[in-house]
Amino acid sequence: MGDHLAAVGLLLDVGSSIARFVEIFIVVYTLLLLAYIITSWIRLPYQPWLNRVQRFLYDVCDPYLRLFRRFIPPIGPIDLSPMVAIITLFVLRSVLVSLLERL
């Protein structure tokens, strides 16, 4: 009986740990998206380290944003795909966290 309770406790702990990881991962990715958006609006002076940071943000964020840019065309100079991508991340976070916490 004690082994059964320990196994159930371990599974509950694993589920909440995975839910917390997913939540933190999505928040960090959202912050990276916001940094990418801000650096795309302003022209930074050329510095090797700034160029590396911008390239990292491009490599990490652009594949995800391209998913939305396929379906949401820009309206003149305004690109709504980052906003839709961030909203999708928040919805995904709430769905995944609630599913994982139920386990």
N, C-alpha and C. Protein backbone atom coordinates (compact mmCIF):
# COMPACT_ATOMS: atom_id res chain seq x y z
N MET A 1 0.83 -1.20 0.00
CA MET A 1 0.00 0.00 0.00
C MET A 1 0.86 1.25 0.00
N GLY A 2 1.94 1.24 0.78
CA GLY A 2 2.82 2.39 0.84
C GLY A 2 3.53 2.65 -0.47
N ASP A 3 3.88 1.56 -1.17
CA ASP A 3 4.53 1.71 -2.48
C ASP A 3 3.58 2.33 -3.49
N HIS A 4 2.32 1.96 -3.42
CA HIS A 4 1.32 2.50 -4.33
C HIS A 4 1.15 4.00 -4.12
N LEU A 5 1.08 4.43 -2.86
CA LEU A 5 0.94 5.85 -2.57
C LEU A 5 2.17 6.64 -2.98
N ALA A 6 3.35 6.03 -2.81
CA ALA A 6 4.58 6.70 -3.23
C ALA A 6 4.61 6.87 -4.75
N ALA A 7 4.15 5.86 -5.49
CA ALA A 7 4.12 5.95 -6.95
C ALA A 7 3.14 7.03 -7.42
N VAL A 8 1.98 7.11 -6.77
CA VAL A 8 1.00 8.13 -7.12
C VAL A 8 1.55 9.51 -6.82
N GLY A 9 2.21 9.65 -5.69
CA GLY A 9 2.82 10.93 -5.33
C GLY A 9 3.89 11.33 -6.31
N LEU A 10 4.69 10.37 -6.77
CA LEU A 10 5.73 10.65 -7.75
C LEU A 10 5.13 11.08 -9.08
N LEU A 11 4.05 10.42 -9.51
CA LEU A 11 3.40 10.80 -10.76
C LEU A 11 2.80 12.21 -10.67
N LEU A 12 2.21 12.54 -9.54
CA LEU A 12 1.66 13.88 -9.36
C LEU A 12 2.76 14.92 -9.39
N ASP A 13 3.90 14.60 -8.80
CA ASP A 13 5.03 15.52 -8.80
C ASP A 13 5.59 15.70 -10.21
N VAL A 14 5.66 14.61 -10.97
CA VAL A 14 6.17 14.69 -12.34
C VAL A 14 5.22 15.54 -13.20
N GLY A 15 3.92 15.33 -13.05
CA GLY A 15 2.94 16.11 -13.81
C GLY A 15 3.03 17.59 -13.51
N SER A 16 3.16 17.95 -12.24
CA SER A 16 3.25 19.37 -11.90
C SER A 16 4.59 19.96 -12.34
N SER A 17 5.65 19.15 -12.32
CA SER A 17 6.95 19.63 -12.78
C SER A 17 6.94 19.88 -14.28
N ILE A 18 6.32 19.00 -15.04
CA ILE A 18 6.22 19.19 -16.48
C ILE A 18 5.34 20.41 -16.80
N ALA A 19 4.25 20.58 -16.05
CA ALA A 19 3.38 21.73 -16.26
C ALA A 19 4.13 23.03 -15.98
N ARG A 20 4.92 23.04 -14.93
CA ARG A 20 5.71 24.23 -14.59
C ARG A 20 6.76 24.51 -15.65
N PHE A 21 7.40 23.46 -16.19
CA PHE A 21 8.40 23.62 -17.24
C PHE A 21 7.77 24.21 -18.50
N VAL A 22 6.60 23.69 -18.88
CA VAL A 22 5.90 24.19 -20.07
C VAL A 22 5.54 25.65 -19.88
N GLU A 23 5.05 25.99 -18.70
CA GLU A 23 4.66 27.37 -18.41
C GLU A 23 5.86 28.31 -18.51
N ILE A 24 6.97 27.93 -17.90
CA ILE A 24 8.17 28.78 -17.93
C ILE A 24 8.73 28.86 -19.35
N PHE A 25 8.74 27.75 -20.08
CA PHE A 25 9.24 27.75 -21.45
C PHE A 25 8.45 28.71 -22.33
N ILE A 26 7.13 28.69 -22.21
CA ILE A 26 6.30 29.56 -23.03
C ILE A 26 6.48 31.02 -22.65
N VAL A 27 6.64 31.32 -21.37
CA VAL A 27 6.88 32.70 -20.95
C VAL A 27 8.22 33.19 -21.49
N VAL A 28 9.27 32.37 -21.41
CA VAL A 28 10.58 32.77 -21.93
C VAL A 28 10.51 32.96 -23.44
N TYR A 29 9.83 32.06 -24.14
CA TYR A 29 9.71 32.19 -25.60
C TYR A 29 8.93 33.45 -25.97
N THR A 30 7.92 33.80 -25.19
CA THR A 30 7.17 35.03 -25.42
C THR A 30 8.07 36.24 -25.24
N LEU A 31 8.92 36.22 -24.23
CA LEU A 31 9.87 37.33 -24.04
C LEU A 31 10.85 37.43 -25.20
N LEU A 32 11.29 36.28 -25.72
CA LEU A 32 12.17 36.29 -26.89
C LEU A 32 11.44 36.87 -28.11
N LEU A 33 10.17 36.53 -28.27
CA LEU A 33 9.38 37.10 -29.36
C LEU A 33 9.26 38.61 -29.23
N LEU A 34 9.01 39.08 -28.03
CA LEU A 34 8.91 40.53 -27.81
C LEU A 34 10.24 41.23 -28.09
N ALA A 35 11.35 40.62 -27.69
CA ALA A 35 12.66 41.19 -28.00
C ALA A 35 12.91 41.21 -29.50
N TYR A 36 12.48 40.16 -30.19
CA TYR A 36 12.62 40.11 -31.65
C TYR A 36 11.81 41.21 -32.32
N ILE A 37 10.60 41.41 -31.83
CA ILE A 37 9.73 42.44 -32.40
C ILE A 37 10.35 43.82 -32.19
N ILE A 38 10.83 44.09 -30.99
CA ILE A 38 11.41 45.40 -30.70
C ILE A 38 12.67 45.64 -31.53
N THR A 39 13.53 44.62 -31.65
CA THR A 39 14.75 44.82 -32.45
C THR A 39 14.45 44.91 -33.94
N SER A 40 13.30 44.43 -34.38
CA SER A 40 12.95 44.59 -35.79
C SER A 40 12.41 45.99 -36.07
N TRP A 41 11.92 46.67 -35.05
CA TRP A 41 11.40 48.03 -35.24
C TRP A 41 12.51 49.07 -35.30
N ILE A 42 13.56 48.87 -34.53
CA ILE A 42 14.60 49.89 -34.45
C ILE A 42 15.89 49.38 -35.09
N ARG A 43 16.62 50.28 -35.68
CA ARG A 43 17.91 49.95 -36.26
C ARG A 43 18.98 50.19 -35.22
N LEU A 44 19.65 49.13 -34.86
CA LEU A 44 20.73 49.23 -33.89
C LEU A 44 22.04 49.45 -34.63
N PRO A 45 22.98 50.16 -34.01
CA PRO A 45 24.28 50.34 -34.67
C PRO A 45 24.98 49.00 -34.82
N TYR A 46 25.81 48.91 -35.85
CA TYR A 46 26.48 47.64 -36.08
C TYR A 46 27.54 47.41 -35.01
N GLN A 47 27.34 46.37 -34.28
CA GLN A 47 28.31 45.86 -33.31
C GLN A 47 28.29 44.35 -33.48
N PRO A 48 29.44 43.69 -33.43
CA PRO A 48 29.42 42.23 -33.62
C PRO A 48 28.52 41.50 -32.62
N TRP A 49 28.53 41.91 -31.36
CA TRP A 49 27.72 41.20 -30.37
C TRP A 49 26.24 41.50 -30.56
N LEU A 50 25.89 42.74 -30.98
CA LEU A 50 24.49 43.05 -31.26
C LEU A 50 24.00 42.26 -32.47
N ASN A 51 24.86 42.11 -33.45
CA ASN A 51 24.51 41.33 -34.63
C ASN A 51 24.26 39.87 -34.25
N ARG A 52 25.06 39.33 -33.34
CA ARG A 52 24.86 37.95 -32.89
C ARG A 52 23.54 37.80 -32.14
N VAL A 53 23.21 38.78 -31.31
CA VAL A 53 21.94 38.73 -30.57
C VAL A 53 20.77 38.80 -31.53
N GLN A 54 20.82 39.71 -32.50
CA GLN A 54 19.74 39.80 -33.48
C GLN A 54 19.62 38.53 -34.31
N ARG A 55 20.75 37.95 -34.67
CA ARG A 55 20.73 36.71 -35.45
C ARG A 55 20.13 35.57 -34.63
N PHE A 56 20.48 35.50 -33.34
CA PHE A 56 19.91 34.48 -32.46
C PHE A 56 18.39 34.64 -32.37
N LEU A 57 17.94 35.88 -32.16
CA LEU A 57 16.50 36.12 -32.06
C LEU A 57 15.80 35.75 -33.37
N TYR A 58 16.43 36.07 -34.50
CA TYR A 58 15.86 35.72 -35.79
C TYR A 58 15.77 34.20 -35.95
N ASP A 59 16.85 33.50 -35.62
CA ASP A 59 16.88 32.04 -35.77
C ASP A 59 15.87 31.34 -34.86
N VAL A 60 15.62 31.90 -33.69
CA VAL A 60 14.72 31.27 -32.73
C VAL A 60 13.25 31.63 -33.00
N CYS A 61 12.99 32.87 -33.37
CA CYS A 61 11.61 33.35 -33.47
C CYS A 61 11.00 33.27 -34.87
N ASP A 62 11.81 33.45 -35.89
CA ASP A 62 11.25 33.55 -37.23
C ASP A 62 10.57 32.26 -37.72
N PRO A 63 11.08 31.06 -37.44
CA PRO A 63 10.34 29.88 -37.89
C PRO A 63 8.92 29.79 -37.31
N TYR A 64 8.76 30.16 -36.06
CA TYR A 64 7.43 30.14 -35.44
C TYR A 64 6.53 31.21 -36.06
N LEU A 65 7.09 32.40 -36.30
CA LEU A 65 6.29 33.48 -36.87
C LEU A 65 5.92 33.20 -38.32
N ARG A 66 6.77 32.48 -39.04
CA ARG A 66 6.47 32.14 -40.44
C ARG A 66 5.20 31.29 -40.56
N LEU A 67 4.92 30.48 -39.53
CA LEU A 67 3.68 29.70 -39.53
C LEU A 67 2.45 30.61 -39.64
N PHE A 68 2.49 31.72 -38.95
CA PHE A 68 1.36 32.65 -38.95
C PHE A 68 1.40 33.59 -40.14
N ARG A 69 2.58 33.93 -40.62
CA ARG A 69 2.68 34.83 -41.77
C ARG A 69 2.16 34.18 -43.04
N ARG A 70 2.11 32.86 -43.08
CA ARG A 70 1.52 32.17 -44.24
C ARG A 70 0.04 32.44 -44.36
N PHE A 71 -0.64 32.59 -43.23
CA PHE A 71 -2.09 32.73 -43.22
C PHE A 71 -2.56 34.17 -42.97
N ILE A 72 -1.72 34.99 -42.35
CA ILE A 72 -2.10 36.36 -42.02
C ILE A 72 -1.20 37.31 -42.81
N PRO A 73 -1.71 37.87 -43.90
CA PRO A 73 -0.87 38.79 -44.67
C PRO A 73 -0.73 40.13 -43.93
N PRO A 74 0.36 40.83 -44.15
CA PRO A 74 0.51 42.15 -43.52
C PRO A 74 -0.53 43.13 -44.07
N ILE A 75 -0.97 44.00 -43.21
CA ILE A 75 -1.92 45.05 -43.60
C ILE A 75 -1.10 46.32 -43.75
N GLY A 76 -0.66 46.57 -44.97
CA GLY A 76 0.23 47.71 -45.21
C GLY A 76 1.55 47.46 -44.49
N PRO A 77 1.99 48.41 -43.69
CA PRO A 77 3.25 48.20 -42.96
C PRO A 77 3.07 47.46 -41.63
N ILE A 78 1.84 47.08 -41.31
CA ILE A 78 1.57 46.44 -40.02
C ILE A 78 1.50 44.92 -40.19
N ASP A 79 2.32 44.24 -39.41
CA ASP A 79 2.34 42.78 -39.41
C ASP A 79 1.67 42.29 -38.13
N LEU A 80 0.51 41.66 -38.28
CA LEU A 80 -0.24 41.19 -37.12
C LEU A 80 0.15 39.79 -36.67
N SER A 81 1.00 39.12 -37.42
CA SER A 81 1.35 37.74 -37.07
C SER A 81 2.03 37.61 -35.70
N PRO A 82 2.90 38.53 -35.27
CA PRO A 82 3.46 38.38 -33.91
C PRO A 82 2.40 38.45 -32.81
N MET A 83 1.41 39.30 -33.00
CA MET A 83 0.37 39.41 -31.98
C MET A 83 -0.45 38.11 -31.92
N VAL A 84 -0.79 37.57 -33.07
CA VAL A 84 -1.54 36.32 -33.11
C VAL A 84 -0.69 35.18 -32.56
N ALA A 85 0.61 35.19 -32.85
CA ALA A 85 1.51 34.15 -32.34
C ALA A 85 1.60 34.19 -30.82
N ILE A 86 1.67 35.37 -30.24
CA ILE A 86 1.75 35.49 -28.78
C ILE A 86 0.43 35.08 -28.13
N ILE A 87 -0.69 35.48 -28.72
CA ILE A 87 -1.99 35.06 -28.19
C ILE A 87 -2.12 33.54 -28.26
N THR A 88 -1.66 32.95 -29.36
CA THR A 88 -1.70 31.50 -29.49
C THR A 88 -0.84 30.82 -28.43
N LEU A 89 0.31 31.40 -28.13
CA LEU A 89 1.17 30.84 -27.07
C LEU A 89 0.47 30.87 -25.72
N PHE A 90 -0.20 31.98 -25.40
CA PHE A 90 -0.89 32.06 -24.11
C PHE A 90 -2.05 31.07 -24.03
N VAL A 91 -2.79 30.89 -25.12
CA VAL A 91 -3.87 29.91 -25.13
C VAL A 91 -3.30 28.50 -24.98
N LEU A 92 -2.23 28.21 -25.72
CA LEU A 92 -1.58 26.92 -25.64
C LEU A 92 -1.05 26.65 -24.23
N ARG A 93 -0.49 27.67 -23.61
CA ARG A 93 0.01 27.52 -22.24
C ARG A 93 -1.11 27.16 -21.28
N SER A 94 -2.22 27.86 -21.37
CA SER A 94 -3.30 27.57 -20.42
C SER A 94 -3.90 26.18 -20.66
N VAL A 95 -4.01 25.77 -21.92
CA VAL A 95 -4.55 24.43 -22.21
C VAL A 95 -3.59 23.35 -21.74
N LEU A 96 -2.31 23.49 -22.07
CA LEU A 96 -1.34 22.45 -21.68
C LEU A 96 -1.17 22.35 -20.18
N VAL A 97 -1.09 23.49 -19.52
CA VAL A 97 -0.91 23.48 -18.06
C VAL A 97 -2.13 22.86 -17.38
N SER A 98 -3.33 23.19 -17.84
CA SER A 98 -4.51 22.60 -17.20
C SER A 98 -4.58 21.10 -17.47
N LEU A 99 -4.18 20.66 -18.67
CA LEU A 99 -4.17 19.22 -18.95
C LEU A 99 -3.12 18.49 -18.12
N LEU A 100 -1.94 19.09 -18.01
CA LEU A 100 -0.86 18.44 -17.27
C LEU A 100 -1.13 18.41 -15.77
N GLU A 101 -1.80 19.42 -15.25
CA GLU A 101 -2.10 19.43 -13.82
C GLU A 101 -3.20 18.44 -13.47
N ARG A 102 -4.01 18.07 -14.44
CA ARG A 102 -5.06 17.06 -14.18
C ARG A 102 -4.47 15.66 -14.09
N LEU A 103 -3.29 15.47 -14.68
CA LEU A 103 -2.66 14.14 -14.63
C LEU A 103 -2.24 13.93 -13.23
